Amino acid sequence: MKNKKSKVVFKTYTPQQISLLPHSYDELIPQEHLVRMLNNVIDKMNIDPLVAEYKGGGKHLAIIQRCFLKLLFMPIARKFIHHAE
């Protein structure tokens, strides 16, 4: 019997999504905020090896890896910046 790999299905991730109020969440974040720098760095990362390791399966859709990395690294970056000051 062959080992069948589950199809990986990710939730939609649209950070520039337009909303009713505010028009865009981007409007709420100051231009020099740490989250913008972190967003740019992670968006430029090659995460193909990470995606390749994900096996899929489970009951729920997988959170997109870039979004997860941003959520994971934001508190780490804030703590690092706080200690550097």
N, C-alpha and C. Protein backbone atom coordinates (compact mmCIF):
# COMPACT_ATOMS: atom_id res chain seq x y z
N MET A 1 0.84 -1.17 0.00
CA MET A 1 0.00 0.00 0.00
C MET A 1 0.89 1.24 0.00
N LYS A 2 0.59 2.16 -0.90
CA LYS A 2 1.38 3.38 -1.00
C LYS A 2 0.97 4.36 0.07
N ASN A 3 1.95 5.10 0.55
CA ASN A 3 1.70 6.15 1.53
C ASN A 3 1.20 7.38 0.80
N LYS A 4 -0.07 7.71 0.98
CA LYS A 4 -0.68 8.83 0.27
C LYS A 4 -0.51 10.12 1.07
N LYS A 5 -0.02 11.17 0.41
CA LYS A 5 0.17 12.46 1.06
C LYS A 5 -1.13 13.25 0.96
N SER A 6 -1.58 13.79 2.09
CA SER A 6 -2.80 14.60 2.10
C SER A 6 -2.57 15.90 1.34
N LYS A 7 -3.63 16.38 0.69
CA LYS A 7 -3.55 17.66 0.01
C LYS A 7 -3.55 18.78 1.06
N VAL A 8 -2.59 19.67 0.95
CA VAL A 8 -2.47 20.77 1.90
C VAL A 8 -3.39 21.90 1.44
N VAL A 9 -4.27 22.36 2.35
CA VAL A 9 -5.18 23.45 2.06
C VAL A 9 -4.96 24.54 3.09
N PHE A 10 -4.60 25.73 2.63
CA PHE A 10 -4.34 26.84 3.53
C PHE A 10 -5.51 27.81 3.54
N LYS A 11 -5.70 28.47 4.67
CA LYS A 11 -6.67 29.56 4.75
C LYS A 11 -6.18 30.71 3.89
N THR A 12 -7.10 31.49 3.39
CA THR A 12 -6.73 32.66 2.59
C THR A 12 -6.06 33.69 3.49
N TYR A 13 -4.98 34.27 2.99
CA TYR A 13 -4.23 35.30 3.72
C TYR A 13 -4.08 36.50 2.81
N THR A 14 -4.80 37.57 3.11
CA THR A 14 -4.77 38.78 2.30
C THR A 14 -4.52 39.98 3.21
N PRO A 15 -3.26 40.30 3.50
CA PRO A 15 -2.97 41.38 4.43
C PRO A 15 -3.41 42.76 3.93
N GLN A 16 -3.56 42.95 2.63
CA GLN A 16 -3.99 44.25 2.10
C GLN A 16 -5.51 44.30 1.90
N GLN A 17 -6.22 43.39 2.54
CA GLN A 17 -7.67 43.30 2.39
C GLN A 17 -8.35 44.61 2.80
N ILE A 18 -9.29 45.04 2.01
CA ILE A 18 -10.04 46.26 2.30
C ILE A 18 -11.19 45.90 3.22
N SER A 19 -11.44 46.74 4.21
CA SER A 19 -12.55 46.52 5.14
C SER A 19 -13.42 47.77 5.17
N LEU A 20 -14.53 47.68 5.85
CA LEU A 20 -15.45 48.81 5.92
C LEU A 20 -14.85 49.97 6.70
N LEU A 21 -14.49 49.74 7.95
CA LEU A 21 -13.89 50.78 8.80
C LEU A 21 -12.73 50.19 9.57
N PRO A 22 -11.56 50.61 9.49
CA PRO A 22 -11.03 51.58 8.54
C PRO A 22 -11.01 50.98 7.13
N HIS A 23 -10.78 51.82 6.16
CA HIS A 23 -10.77 51.37 4.77
C HIS A 23 -9.73 50.26 4.57
N SER A 24 -8.62 50.37 5.25
CA SER A 24 -7.56 49.37 5.19
C SER A 24 -6.89 49.31 6.56
N TYR A 25 -6.54 48.12 7.01
CA TYR A 25 -5.85 47.99 8.29
C TYR A 25 -4.47 48.64 8.23
N ASP A 26 -3.95 48.78 7.03
CA ASP A 26 -2.66 49.43 6.82
C ASP A 26 -2.68 50.86 7.35
N GLU A 27 -3.83 51.49 7.33
CA GLU A 27 -3.96 52.88 7.81
C GLU A 27 -3.75 52.99 9.32
N LEU A 28 -3.91 51.91 10.05
CA LEU A 28 -3.78 51.94 11.50
C LEU A 28 -2.35 51.79 11.99
N ILE A 29 -1.46 51.39 11.11
CA ILE A 29 -0.08 51.10 11.51
C ILE A 29 0.84 52.24 11.06
N PRO A 30 1.54 52.88 12.00
CA PRO A 30 2.46 53.96 11.63
C PRO A 30 3.54 53.45 10.66
N GLN A 31 4.02 54.33 9.80
CA GLN A 31 5.00 53.95 8.77
C GLN A 31 6.29 53.36 9.34
N GLU A 32 6.73 53.81 10.50
CA GLU A 32 7.99 53.35 11.08
C GLU A 32 7.81 52.25 12.12
N HIS A 33 6.66 51.63 12.18
CA HIS A 33 6.38 50.61 13.19
C HIS A 33 7.16 49.33 12.91
N LEU A 34 7.56 48.67 13.97
CA LEU A 34 8.32 47.41 13.87
C LEU A 34 7.58 46.35 13.05
N VAL A 35 6.28 46.32 13.15
CA VAL A 35 5.51 45.30 12.43
C VAL A 35 5.69 45.43 10.91
N ARG A 36 5.89 46.63 10.42
CA ARG A 36 6.11 46.82 8.98
C ARG A 36 7.46 46.22 8.55
N MET A 37 8.49 46.45 9.36
CA MET A 37 9.80 45.89 9.05
C MET A 37 9.75 44.36 9.08
N LEU A 38 9.12 43.82 10.11
CA LEU A 38 9.00 42.37 10.23
C LEU A 38 8.20 41.80 9.06
N ASN A 39 7.13 42.47 8.68
CA ASN A 39 6.31 42.05 7.55
C ASN A 39 7.14 41.98 6.27
N ASN A 40 7.95 43.01 6.02
CA ASN A 40 8.78 43.05 4.81
C ASN A 40 9.83 41.94 4.81
N VAL A 41 10.46 41.71 5.95
CA VAL A 41 11.49 40.67 6.04
C VAL A 41 10.89 39.29 5.78
N ILE A 42 9.79 38.98 6.43
CA ILE A 42 9.19 37.65 6.28
C ILE A 42 8.61 37.46 4.88
N ASP A 43 8.07 38.53 4.29
CA ASP A 43 7.55 38.42 2.92
C ASP A 43 8.65 38.10 1.92
N LYS A 44 9.89 38.49 2.22
CA LYS A 44 11.02 38.24 1.31
C LYS A 44 11.70 36.89 1.56
N MET A 45 11.35 36.23 2.66
CA MET A 45 11.96 34.95 3.00
C MET A 45 11.49 33.84 2.07
N ASN A 46 12.39 32.92 1.78
CA ASN A 46 12.01 31.72 1.04
C ASN A 46 11.54 30.68 2.06
N ILE A 47 10.24 30.45 2.11
CA ILE A 47 9.70 29.49 3.09
C ILE A 47 9.30 28.18 2.42
N ASP A 48 9.76 27.95 1.19
CA ASP A 48 9.43 26.71 0.49
C ASP A 48 9.83 25.46 1.28
N PRO A 49 11.02 25.43 1.92
CA PRO A 49 11.36 24.24 2.72
C PRO A 49 10.38 24.01 3.87
N LEU A 50 9.90 25.07 4.48
CA LEU A 50 8.93 24.95 5.56
C LEU A 50 7.60 24.39 5.04
N VAL A 51 7.13 24.92 3.92
CA VAL A 51 5.88 24.45 3.31
C VAL A 51 6.01 22.99 2.89
N ALA A 52 7.17 22.62 2.38
CA ALA A 52 7.39 21.24 1.94
C ALA A 52 7.32 20.25 3.10
N GLU A 53 7.69 20.68 4.30
CA GLU A 53 7.65 19.81 5.47
C GLU A 53 6.25 19.59 6.01
N TYR A 54 5.32 20.49 5.68
CA TYR A 54 3.96 20.37 6.20
C TYR A 54 3.26 19.20 5.54
N LYS A 55 2.72 18.30 6.35
CA LYS A 55 2.13 17.07 5.84
C LYS A 55 0.64 17.19 5.54
N GLY A 56 -0.01 18.21 6.07
CA GLY A 56 -1.44 18.37 5.82
C GLY A 56 -2.25 17.47 6.73
N GLY A 57 -3.51 17.36 6.41
CA GLY A 57 -4.40 16.53 7.22
C GLY A 57 -5.01 17.33 8.35
N GLY A 58 -5.69 16.66 9.22
CA GLY A 58 -6.35 17.34 10.33
C GLY A 58 -7.74 17.79 9.95
N LYS A 59 -8.45 18.34 10.92
CA LYS A 59 -9.83 18.74 10.70
C LYS A 59 -9.96 20.16 10.15
N HIS A 60 -8.96 20.99 10.36
CA HIS A 60 -9.07 22.41 10.04
C HIS A 60 -8.11 22.80 8.93
N LEU A 61 -8.42 23.89 8.28
CA LEU A 61 -7.51 24.44 7.29
C LEU A 61 -6.24 24.92 7.99
N ALA A 62 -5.14 24.80 7.34
CA ALA A 62 -3.87 25.23 7.92
C ALA A 62 -3.74 26.74 7.80
N ILE A 63 -3.19 27.37 8.82
CA ILE A 63 -2.91 28.80 8.73
C ILE A 63 -1.71 28.97 7.80
N ILE A 64 -1.77 29.96 6.97
CA ILE A 64 -0.69 30.16 6.01
C ILE A 64 0.61 30.42 6.78
N GLN A 65 1.70 29.83 6.32
CA GLN A 65 2.95 29.89 7.08
C GLN A 65 3.49 31.29 7.25
N ARG A 66 3.38 32.15 6.26
CA ARG A 66 3.90 33.52 6.40
C ARG A 66 3.18 34.25 7.53
N CYS A 67 1.88 34.11 7.59
CA CYS A 67 1.11 34.75 8.66
C CYS A 67 1.53 34.20 10.02
N PHE A 68 1.70 32.89 10.11
CA PHE A 68 2.12 32.27 11.36
C PHE A 68 3.50 32.78 11.78
N LEU A 69 4.42 32.87 10.83
CA LEU A 69 5.76 33.36 11.16
C LEU A 69 5.72 34.79 11.69
N LYS A 70 4.86 35.62 11.10
CA LYS A 70 4.73 37.00 11.57
C LYS A 70 4.17 37.03 12.99
N LEU A 71 3.18 36.20 13.25
CA LEU A 71 2.61 36.12 14.59
C LEU A 71 3.62 35.57 15.60
N LEU A 72 4.44 34.64 15.17
CA LEU A 72 5.44 34.03 16.03
C LEU A 72 6.58 35.01 16.36
N PHE A 73 7.06 35.72 15.36
CA PHE A 73 8.24 36.55 15.54
C PHE A 73 7.96 37.94 16.09
N MET A 74 6.74 38.43 16.03
CA MET A 74 6.46 39.78 16.52
C MET A 74 6.80 39.95 18.01
N PRO A 75 6.33 39.07 18.90
CA PRO A 75 6.70 39.26 20.31
C PRO A 75 8.20 39.10 20.56
N ILE A 76 8.85 38.25 19.79
CA ILE A 76 10.29 38.06 19.92
C ILE A 76 11.01 39.34 19.51
N ALA A 77 10.60 39.92 18.39
CA ALA A 77 11.22 41.16 17.91
C ALA A 77 10.98 42.30 18.89
N ARG A 78 9.77 42.39 19.44
CA ARG A 78 9.47 43.45 20.41
C ARG A 78 10.34 43.32 21.66
N LYS A 79 10.52 42.09 22.12
CA LYS A 79 11.35 41.87 23.31
C LYS A 79 12.80 42.21 23.02
N PHE A 80 13.27 41.84 21.84
CA PHE A 80 14.65 42.14 21.44
C PHE A 80 14.87 43.65 21.38
N ILE A 81 13.94 44.38 20.78
CA ILE A 81 14.04 45.84 20.66
C ILE A 81 13.99 46.47 22.06
N HIS A 82 13.12 45.96 22.92
CA HIS A 82 12.98 46.49 24.28
C HIS A 82 14.29 46.34 25.06
N HIS A 83 14.94 45.18 24.93
CA HIS A 83 16.19 44.95 25.65
C HIS A 83 17.35 45.74 25.07
N ALA A 84 17.26 46.08 23.78
CA ALA A 84 18.32 46.84 23.13
C ALA A 84 18.31 48.32 23.51
N GLU A 85 17.17 48.78 24.01
CA GLU A 85 17.05 50.22 24.34
C GLU A 85 17.71 50.56 25.66
